[in-house]
Amino acid sequence: MRADFYLLSRTLSETSLFVCQLLQKIYEKNFSIYVYVSSEEKAKTLDALLWTFDDTSFIPHAIHKNDATPSIPVTISHIPSTFKQQVLCNLTFEIPSFYENYERIVEVVSQEEEQRELARKKYQFYQKSNFELQTYSL
């Protein structure tokens, strides 16, 4: 398994735009993606942003509200996943209990110190769990 950390020198609002761009790149490589967010409100915000962030792109996505296996490439939810997809984009402050269902985990970290500290803890956890780790400073 692999975990990629994207350390951004951006504000939270700019981080949301980066997440959309990153999801587009992952989608274009034909990976299925589960985007784990901390609340239903955040799921709705990301859902709306994915429709509007780029006039020339289309990322098939939906908010997932139950245990049924999604039939679209990008699923957004605040509900822990019980199914397997290829990539988990974790936008929460926790390590999801279901992380082992994924081949790759993506962690996006803004410039806020609280997020950086949490990212360090996640990195240590994934390291102890024998993940292949990559860090990108952007």
N, C-alpha and C. Protein backbone atom coordinates (compact mmCIF):
# COMPACT_ATOMS: atom_id res chain seq x y z
N MET A 1 0.84 -1.18 0.00
CA MET A 1 0.00 0.00 0.00
C MET A 1 0.88 1.24 0.00
N ARG A 2 0.26 2.34 -0.42
CA ARG A 2 1.03 3.57 -0.60
C ARG A 2 0.24 4.75 -0.03
N ALA A 3 0.96 5.71 0.55
CA ALA A 3 0.34 6.95 1.03
C ALA A 3 1.12 8.12 0.46
N ASP A 4 0.38 9.04 -0.16
CA ASP A 4 0.97 10.25 -0.74
C ASP A 4 0.52 11.45 0.07
N PHE A 5 1.48 12.25 0.50
CA PHE A 5 1.19 13.48 1.24
C PHE A 5 1.51 14.67 0.35
N TYR A 6 0.52 15.53 0.18
CA TYR A 6 0.69 16.76 -0.60
C TYR A 6 0.70 17.92 0.39
N LEU A 7 1.89 18.49 0.61
CA LEU A 7 2.05 19.59 1.55
C LEU A 7 1.97 20.89 0.78
N LEU A 8 0.91 21.63 1.03
CA LEU A 8 0.64 22.83 0.25
C LEU A 8 1.08 24.10 0.97
N SER A 9 1.52 25.05 0.21
CA SER A 9 1.81 26.38 0.76
C SER A 9 0.65 27.30 0.38
N ARG A 10 -0.56 26.84 0.66
CA ARG A 10 -1.77 27.55 0.25
C ARG A 10 -2.73 27.67 1.43
N THR A 11 -3.70 28.56 1.27
CA THR A 11 -4.75 28.71 2.27
C THR A 11 -5.77 27.60 2.10
N LEU A 12 -6.71 27.51 3.04
CA LEU A 12 -7.73 26.47 2.95
C LEU A 12 -8.58 26.59 1.69
N SER A 13 -8.95 27.80 1.29
CA SER A 13 -9.77 27.95 0.08
C SER A 13 -9.00 27.50 -1.16
N GLU A 14 -7.71 27.80 -1.21
CA GLU A 14 -6.88 27.35 -2.34
C GLU A 14 -6.67 25.84 -2.28
N THR A 15 -6.67 25.29 -1.07
CA THR A 15 -6.53 23.85 -0.91
C THR A 15 -7.69 23.12 -1.58
N SER A 16 -8.89 23.65 -1.47
CA SER A 16 -10.07 23.03 -2.10
C SER A 16 -9.90 22.95 -3.61
N LEU A 17 -9.39 24.00 -4.20
CA LEU A 17 -9.15 23.99 -5.65
C LEU A 17 -8.09 22.94 -6.00
N PHE A 18 -7.03 22.84 -5.20
CA PHE A 18 -6.01 21.82 -5.44
C PHE A 18 -6.61 20.42 -5.37
N VAL A 19 -7.47 20.18 -4.39
CA VAL A 19 -8.11 18.87 -4.25
C VAL A 19 -8.86 18.52 -5.53
N CYS A 20 -9.60 19.46 -6.08
CA CYS A 20 -10.33 19.22 -7.34
C CYS A 20 -9.37 18.86 -8.47
N GLN A 21 -8.28 19.60 -8.57
CA GLN A 21 -7.29 19.34 -9.63
C GLN A 21 -6.65 17.97 -9.43
N LEU A 22 -6.35 17.63 -8.19
CA LEU A 22 -5.75 16.32 -7.90
C LEU A 22 -6.73 15.19 -8.23
N LEU A 23 -7.98 15.34 -7.84
CA LEU A 23 -8.98 14.33 -8.15
C LEU A 23 -9.13 14.15 -9.65
N GLN A 24 -9.05 15.24 -10.39
CA GLN A 24 -9.13 15.14 -11.84
C GLN A 24 -7.97 14.32 -12.40
N LYS A 25 -6.76 14.57 -11.90
CA LYS A 25 -5.59 13.82 -12.38
C LYS A 25 -5.72 12.33 -12.05
N ILE A 26 -6.16 12.03 -10.84
CA ILE A 26 -6.32 10.63 -10.44
C ILE A 26 -7.41 9.96 -11.28
N TYR A 27 -8.52 10.66 -11.48
CA TYR A 27 -9.61 10.14 -12.31
C TYR A 27 -9.14 9.87 -13.74
N GLU A 28 -8.36 10.78 -14.30
CA GLU A 28 -7.88 10.62 -15.68
C GLU A 28 -6.96 9.42 -15.84
N LYS A 29 -6.42 8.91 -14.72
CA LYS A 29 -5.60 7.69 -14.76
C LYS A 29 -6.46 6.45 -14.55
N ASN A 30 -7.78 6.64 -14.59
CA ASN A 30 -8.76 5.55 -14.49
C ASN A 30 -8.78 4.84 -13.14
N PHE A 31 -8.51 5.58 -12.08
CA PHE A 31 -8.62 5.03 -10.73
C PHE A 31 -9.99 5.36 -10.15
N SER A 32 -10.53 4.45 -9.36
CA SER A 32 -11.74 4.77 -8.61
C SER A 32 -11.30 5.44 -7.30
N ILE A 33 -12.08 6.43 -6.87
CA ILE A 33 -11.66 7.28 -5.75
C ILE A 33 -12.80 7.42 -4.74
N TYR A 34 -12.46 7.24 -3.47
CA TYR A 34 -13.39 7.53 -2.38
C TYR A 34 -12.84 8.74 -1.65
N VAL A 35 -13.60 9.84 -1.65
CA VAL A 35 -13.17 11.06 -0.98
C VAL A 35 -13.88 11.11 0.37
N TYR A 36 -13.09 10.97 1.43
CA TYR A 36 -13.63 10.93 2.78
C TYR A 36 -13.52 12.31 3.41
N VAL A 37 -14.68 12.88 3.77
CA VAL A 37 -14.73 14.21 4.37
C VAL A 37 -15.34 14.11 5.76
N SER A 38 -15.23 15.17 6.54
CA SER A 38 -15.63 15.12 7.94
C SER A 38 -17.12 15.37 8.19
N SER A 39 -17.85 15.87 7.20
CA SER A 39 -19.27 16.16 7.42
C SER A 39 -20.05 16.13 6.11
N GLU A 40 -21.35 16.01 6.23
CA GLU A 40 -22.21 16.05 5.05
C GLU A 40 -22.10 17.41 4.36
N GLU A 41 -21.98 18.47 5.15
CA GLU A 41 -21.83 19.82 4.59
C GLU A 41 -20.57 19.92 3.73
N LYS A 42 -19.47 19.34 4.20
CA LYS A 42 -18.22 19.37 3.42
C LYS A 42 -18.35 18.54 2.15
N ALA A 43 -19.10 17.45 2.23
CA ALA A 43 -19.34 16.63 1.03
C ALA A 43 -20.11 17.44 0.00
N LYS A 44 -21.13 18.17 0.44
CA LYS A 44 -21.92 18.99 -0.48
C LYS A 44 -21.08 20.12 -1.08
N THR A 45 -20.21 20.72 -0.27
CA THR A 45 -19.35 21.80 -0.77
C THR A 45 -18.41 21.28 -1.84
N LEU A 46 -17.76 20.13 -1.59
CA LEU A 46 -16.85 19.56 -2.58
C LEU A 46 -17.61 19.13 -3.83
N ASP A 47 -18.78 18.56 -3.65
CA ASP A 47 -19.62 18.17 -4.78
C ASP A 47 -19.89 19.37 -5.69
N ALA A 48 -20.28 20.48 -5.12
CA ALA A 48 -20.56 21.70 -5.90
C ALA A 48 -19.30 22.22 -6.58
N LEU A 49 -18.19 22.19 -5.87
CA LEU A 49 -16.93 22.69 -6.43
C LEU A 49 -16.45 21.84 -7.60
N LEU A 50 -16.65 20.53 -7.52
CA LEU A 50 -16.23 19.66 -8.62
C LEU A 50 -17.00 19.95 -9.91
N TRP A 51 -18.21 20.48 -9.79
CA TRP A 51 -18.98 20.85 -10.98
C TRP A 51 -18.52 22.17 -11.58
N THR A 52 -17.88 23.03 -10.78
CA THR A 52 -17.62 24.40 -11.23
C THR A 52 -16.15 24.81 -11.30
N PHE A 53 -15.23 24.01 -10.79
CA PHE A 53 -13.85 24.48 -10.67
C PHE A 53 -13.15 24.67 -12.01
N ASP A 54 -13.59 23.97 -13.05
CA ASP A 54 -12.96 24.08 -14.36
C ASP A 54 -14.03 23.91 -15.44
N ASP A 55 -14.16 24.91 -16.29
CA ASP A 55 -15.20 24.88 -17.34
C ASP A 55 -14.99 23.78 -18.37
N THR A 56 -13.76 23.27 -18.48
CA THR A 56 -13.46 22.31 -19.55
C THR A 56 -13.34 20.87 -19.05
N SER A 57 -13.56 20.64 -17.77
CA SER A 57 -13.39 19.27 -17.27
C SER A 57 -14.71 18.70 -16.77
N PHE A 58 -14.74 17.38 -16.72
CA PHE A 58 -15.89 16.69 -16.16
C PHE A 58 -15.38 15.50 -15.36
N ILE A 59 -15.73 15.47 -14.10
CA ILE A 59 -15.37 14.36 -13.22
C ILE A 59 -16.68 13.73 -12.74
N PRO A 60 -17.02 12.54 -13.22
CA PRO A 60 -18.25 11.89 -12.76
C PRO A 60 -18.14 11.57 -11.27
N HIS A 61 -19.02 12.14 -10.49
CA HIS A 61 -18.94 11.97 -9.04
C HIS A 61 -20.33 12.09 -8.43
N ALA A 62 -20.43 11.66 -7.18
CA ALA A 62 -21.69 11.78 -6.44
C ALA A 62 -21.40 11.64 -4.95
N ILE A 63 -22.32 12.17 -4.18
CA ILE A 63 -22.25 11.97 -2.73
C ILE A 63 -22.85 10.61 -2.42
N HIS A 64 -22.15 9.83 -1.64
CA HIS A 64 -22.57 8.47 -1.32
C HIS A 64 -23.20 8.46 0.07
N LYS A 65 -24.39 7.85 0.19
CA LYS A 65 -25.12 7.91 1.46
C LYS A 65 -25.47 6.54 2.04
N ASN A 66 -25.02 5.45 1.42
CA ASN A 66 -25.37 4.13 1.96
C ASN A 66 -24.23 3.15 1.70
N ASP A 67 -24.46 1.89 2.03
CA ASP A 67 -23.41 0.87 1.90
C ASP A 67 -23.32 0.23 0.53
N ALA A 68 -24.18 0.62 -0.39
CA ALA A 68 -24.13 0.03 -1.73
C ALA A 68 -22.83 0.42 -2.43
N THR A 69 -22.29 -0.50 -3.19
CA THR A 69 -21.07 -0.21 -3.93
C THR A 69 -21.37 0.86 -4.98
N PRO A 70 -20.58 1.93 -5.00
CA PRO A 70 -20.85 3.00 -5.96
C PRO A 70 -20.57 2.56 -7.39
N SER A 71 -21.33 3.12 -8.32
CA SER A 71 -21.15 2.77 -9.73
C SER A 71 -20.47 3.89 -10.51
N ILE A 72 -19.97 4.89 -9.82
CA ILE A 72 -19.29 6.01 -10.47
C ILE A 72 -17.84 6.06 -10.00
N PRO A 73 -16.96 6.68 -10.75
CA PRO A 73 -15.54 6.68 -10.41
C PRO A 73 -15.17 7.45 -9.15
N VAL A 74 -15.87 8.55 -8.86
CA VAL A 74 -15.51 9.38 -7.70
C VAL A 74 -16.71 9.46 -6.75
N THR A 75 -16.48 9.00 -5.54
CA THR A 75 -17.51 9.00 -4.51
C THR A 75 -17.07 9.91 -3.37
N ILE A 76 -17.97 10.75 -2.90
CA ILE A 76 -17.69 11.67 -1.80
C ILE A 76 -18.61 11.30 -0.64
N SER A 77 -18.06 11.21 0.58
CA SER A 77 -18.92 10.89 1.72
C SER A 77 -18.22 11.18 3.04
N HIS A 78 -19.06 11.39 4.05
CA HIS A 78 -18.57 11.50 5.42
C HIS A 78 -18.81 10.19 6.17
N ILE A 79 -19.37 9.22 5.47
CA ILE A 79 -19.69 7.91 6.06
C ILE A 79 -18.52 6.96 5.80
N PRO A 80 -18.03 6.28 6.83
CA PRO A 80 -16.95 5.31 6.61
C PRO A 80 -17.32 4.29 5.54
N SER A 81 -16.37 3.97 4.71
CA SER A 81 -16.59 3.09 3.57
C SER A 81 -16.49 1.62 3.97
N THR A 82 -17.38 0.82 3.40
CA THR A 82 -17.32 -0.63 3.62
C THR A 82 -16.95 -1.37 2.35
N PHE A 83 -16.68 -0.65 1.29
CA PHE A 83 -16.34 -1.27 0.01
C PHE A 83 -14.94 -0.85 -0.41
N LYS A 84 -14.41 -1.54 -1.39
CA LYS A 84 -13.04 -1.28 -1.84
C LYS A 84 -13.05 -0.44 -3.10
N GLN A 85 -12.18 0.55 -3.10
CA GLN A 85 -11.87 1.31 -4.30
C GLN A 85 -10.35 1.43 -4.33
N GLN A 86 -9.82 2.00 -5.39
CA GLN A 86 -8.37 2.03 -5.52
C GLN A 86 -7.72 3.12 -4.67
N VAL A 87 -8.33 4.31 -4.63
CA VAL A 87 -7.70 5.45 -3.97
C VAL A 87 -8.64 6.02 -2.92
N LEU A 88 -8.09 6.28 -1.75
CA LEU A 88 -8.80 6.99 -0.69
C LEU A 88 -8.18 8.38 -0.57
N CYS A 89 -8.97 9.40 -0.82
CA CYS A 89 -8.53 10.78 -0.60
C CYS A 89 -9.09 11.19 0.75
N ASN A 90 -8.24 11.23 1.75
CA ASN A 90 -8.67 11.49 3.12
C ASN A 90 -8.58 12.99 3.41
N LEU A 91 -9.73 13.64 3.54
CA LEU A 91 -9.77 15.06 3.84
C LEU A 91 -10.24 15.32 5.27
N THR A 92 -10.06 14.32 6.13
CA THR A 92 -10.43 14.47 7.54
C THR A 92 -9.17 14.59 8.39
N PHE A 93 -9.39 14.85 9.67
CA PHE A 93 -8.27 14.98 10.60
C PHE A 93 -7.90 13.65 11.24
N GLU A 94 -8.51 12.58 10.82
CA GLU A 94 -8.27 11.27 11.43
C GLU A 94 -7.71 10.29 10.40
N ILE A 95 -7.23 9.18 10.91
CA ILE A 95 -6.87 8.06 10.04
C ILE A 95 -8.12 7.19 9.97
N PRO A 96 -8.71 7.06 8.80
CA PRO A 96 -9.96 6.30 8.69
C PRO A 96 -9.77 4.84 9.11
N SER A 97 -10.75 4.33 9.83
CA SER A 97 -10.67 2.94 10.30
C SER A 97 -10.67 1.95 9.15
N PHE A 98 -11.11 2.38 7.98
CA PHE A 98 -11.25 1.50 6.82
C PHE A 98 -10.11 1.69 5.81
N TYR A 99 -9.01 2.28 6.23
CA TYR A 99 -7.91 2.61 5.31
C TYR A 99 -7.36 1.39 4.58
N GLU A 100 -7.46 0.22 5.17
CA GLU A 100 -6.89 -0.98 4.55
C GLU A 100 -7.65 -1.43 3.30
N ASN A 101 -8.80 -0.83 3.03
CA ASN A 101 -9.57 -1.18 1.83
C ASN A 101 -9.00 -0.58 0.56
N TYR A 102 -7.93 0.19 0.67
CA TYR A 102 -7.43 0.97 -0.47
C TYR A 102 -5.98 0.65 -0.78
N GLU A 103 -5.65 0.72 -2.06
CA GLU A 103 -4.28 0.53 -2.52
C GLU A 103 -3.43 1.77 -2.25
N ARG A 104 -4.08 2.92 -2.30
CA ARG A 104 -3.37 4.19 -2.18
C ARG A 104 -4.21 5.16 -1.35
N ILE A 105 -3.53 5.89 -0.47
CA ILE A 105 -4.19 6.93 0.32
C ILE A 105 -3.54 8.26 -0.02
N VAL A 106 -4.38 9.26 -0.23
CA VAL A 106 -3.91 10.60 -0.54
C VAL A 106 -4.29 11.51 0.63
N GLU A 107 -3.30 12.20 1.17
CA GLU A 107 -3.52 13.17 2.25
C GLU A 107 -3.11 14.54 1.74
N VAL A 108 -4.02 15.50 1.81
CA VAL A 108 -3.75 16.87 1.37
C VAL A 108 -3.64 17.73 2.62
N VAL A 109 -2.51 18.43 2.76
CA VAL A 109 -2.22 19.18 3.98
C VAL A 109 -2.02 20.65 3.65
N SER A 110 -2.84 21.51 4.25
CA SER A 110 -2.71 22.95 4.01
C SER A 110 -1.55 23.51 4.84
N GLN A 111 -1.33 24.80 4.75
CA GLN A 111 -0.21 25.43 5.45
C GLN A 111 -0.48 25.64 6.94
N GLU A 112 -1.70 25.42 7.43
CA GLU A 112 -2.00 25.62 8.84
C GLU A 112 -1.23 24.63 9.71
N GLU A 113 -0.68 25.14 10.80
CA GLU A 113 0.18 24.32 11.66
C GLU A 113 -0.56 23.12 12.25
N GLU A 114 -1.83 23.29 12.60
CA GLU A 114 -2.61 22.17 13.14
C GLU A 114 -2.68 21.03 12.13
N GLN A 115 -2.91 21.35 10.87
CA GLN A 115 -2.95 20.31 9.84
C GLN A 115 -1.58 19.67 9.65
N ARG A 116 -0.53 20.47 9.71
CA ARG A 116 0.83 19.91 9.55
C ARG A 116 1.14 18.93 10.68
N GLU A 117 0.76 19.28 11.90
CA GLU A 117 1.01 18.39 13.04
C GLU A 117 0.23 17.08 12.90
N LEU A 118 -1.02 17.17 12.50
CA LEU A 118 -1.82 15.96 12.27
C LEU A 118 -1.22 15.11 11.15
N ALA A 119 -0.72 15.77 10.12
CA ALA A 119 -0.10 15.04 9.00
C ALA A 119 1.13 14.27 9.47
N ARG A 120 1.89 14.86 10.37
CA ARG A 120 3.07 14.16 10.91
C ARG A 120 2.65 12.88 11.63
N LYS A 121 1.57 12.96 12.40
CA LYS A 121 1.08 11.77 13.11
C LYS A 121 0.58 10.71 12.13
N LYS A 122 -0.13 11.15 11.09
CA LYS A 122 -0.60 10.21 10.08
C LYS A 122 0.59 9.55 9.37
N TYR A 123 1.58 10.35 9.04
CA TYR A 123 2.77 9.84 8.36
C TYR A 123 3.42 8.75 9.21
N GLN A 124 3.57 9.02 10.51
CA GLN A 124 4.18 8.02 11.40
C GLN A 124 3.34 6.75 11.46
N PHE A 125 2.03 6.90 11.49
CA PHE A 125 1.15 5.73 11.51
C PHE A 125 1.32 4.90 10.25
N TYR A 126 1.26 5.55 9.10
CA TYR A 126 1.40 4.82 7.83
C TYR A 126 2.79 4.19 7.72
N GLN A 127 3.79 4.88 8.22
CA GLN A 127 5.15 4.35 8.19
C GLN A 127 5.23 3.06 9.02
N LYS A 128 4.64 3.08 10.21
CA LYS A 128 4.63 1.89 11.07
C LYS A 128 3.80 0.77 10.47
N SER A 129 2.86 1.13 9.61
CA SER A 129 2.01 0.14 8.94
C SER A 129 2.61 -0.35 7.62
N ASN A 130 3.88 0.00 7.40
CA ASN A 130 4.65 -0.45 6.23
C ASN A 130 4.12 0.04 4.89
N PHE A 131 3.59 1.24 4.87
CA PHE A 131 3.18 1.86 3.61
C PHE A 131 4.41 2.37 2.87
N GLU A 132 4.34 2.37 1.56
CA GLU A 132 5.30 3.11 0.75
C GLU A 132 4.85 4.57 0.84
N LEU A 133 5.75 5.46 1.23
CA LEU A 133 5.38 6.86 1.48
C LEU A 133 6.01 7.80 0.47
N GLN A 134 5.22 8.77 0.01
CA GLN A 134 5.70 9.82 -0.88
C GLN A 134 5.23 11.16 -0.31
N THR A 135 6.10 12.16 -0.36
CA THR A 135 5.75 13.50 0.08
C THR A 135 6.04 14.48 -1.04
N TYR A 136 5.07 15.34 -1.30
CA TYR A 136 5.21 16.36 -2.34
C TYR A 136 4.99 17.72 -1.70
N SER A 137 5.99 18.58 -1.76
CA SER A 137 5.86 19.95 -1.25
C SER A 137 5.52 20.85 -2.43
N LEU A 138 4.37 21.48 -2.36
CA LEU A 138 3.90 22.30 -3.47
C LEU A 138 3.69 23.74 -3.03
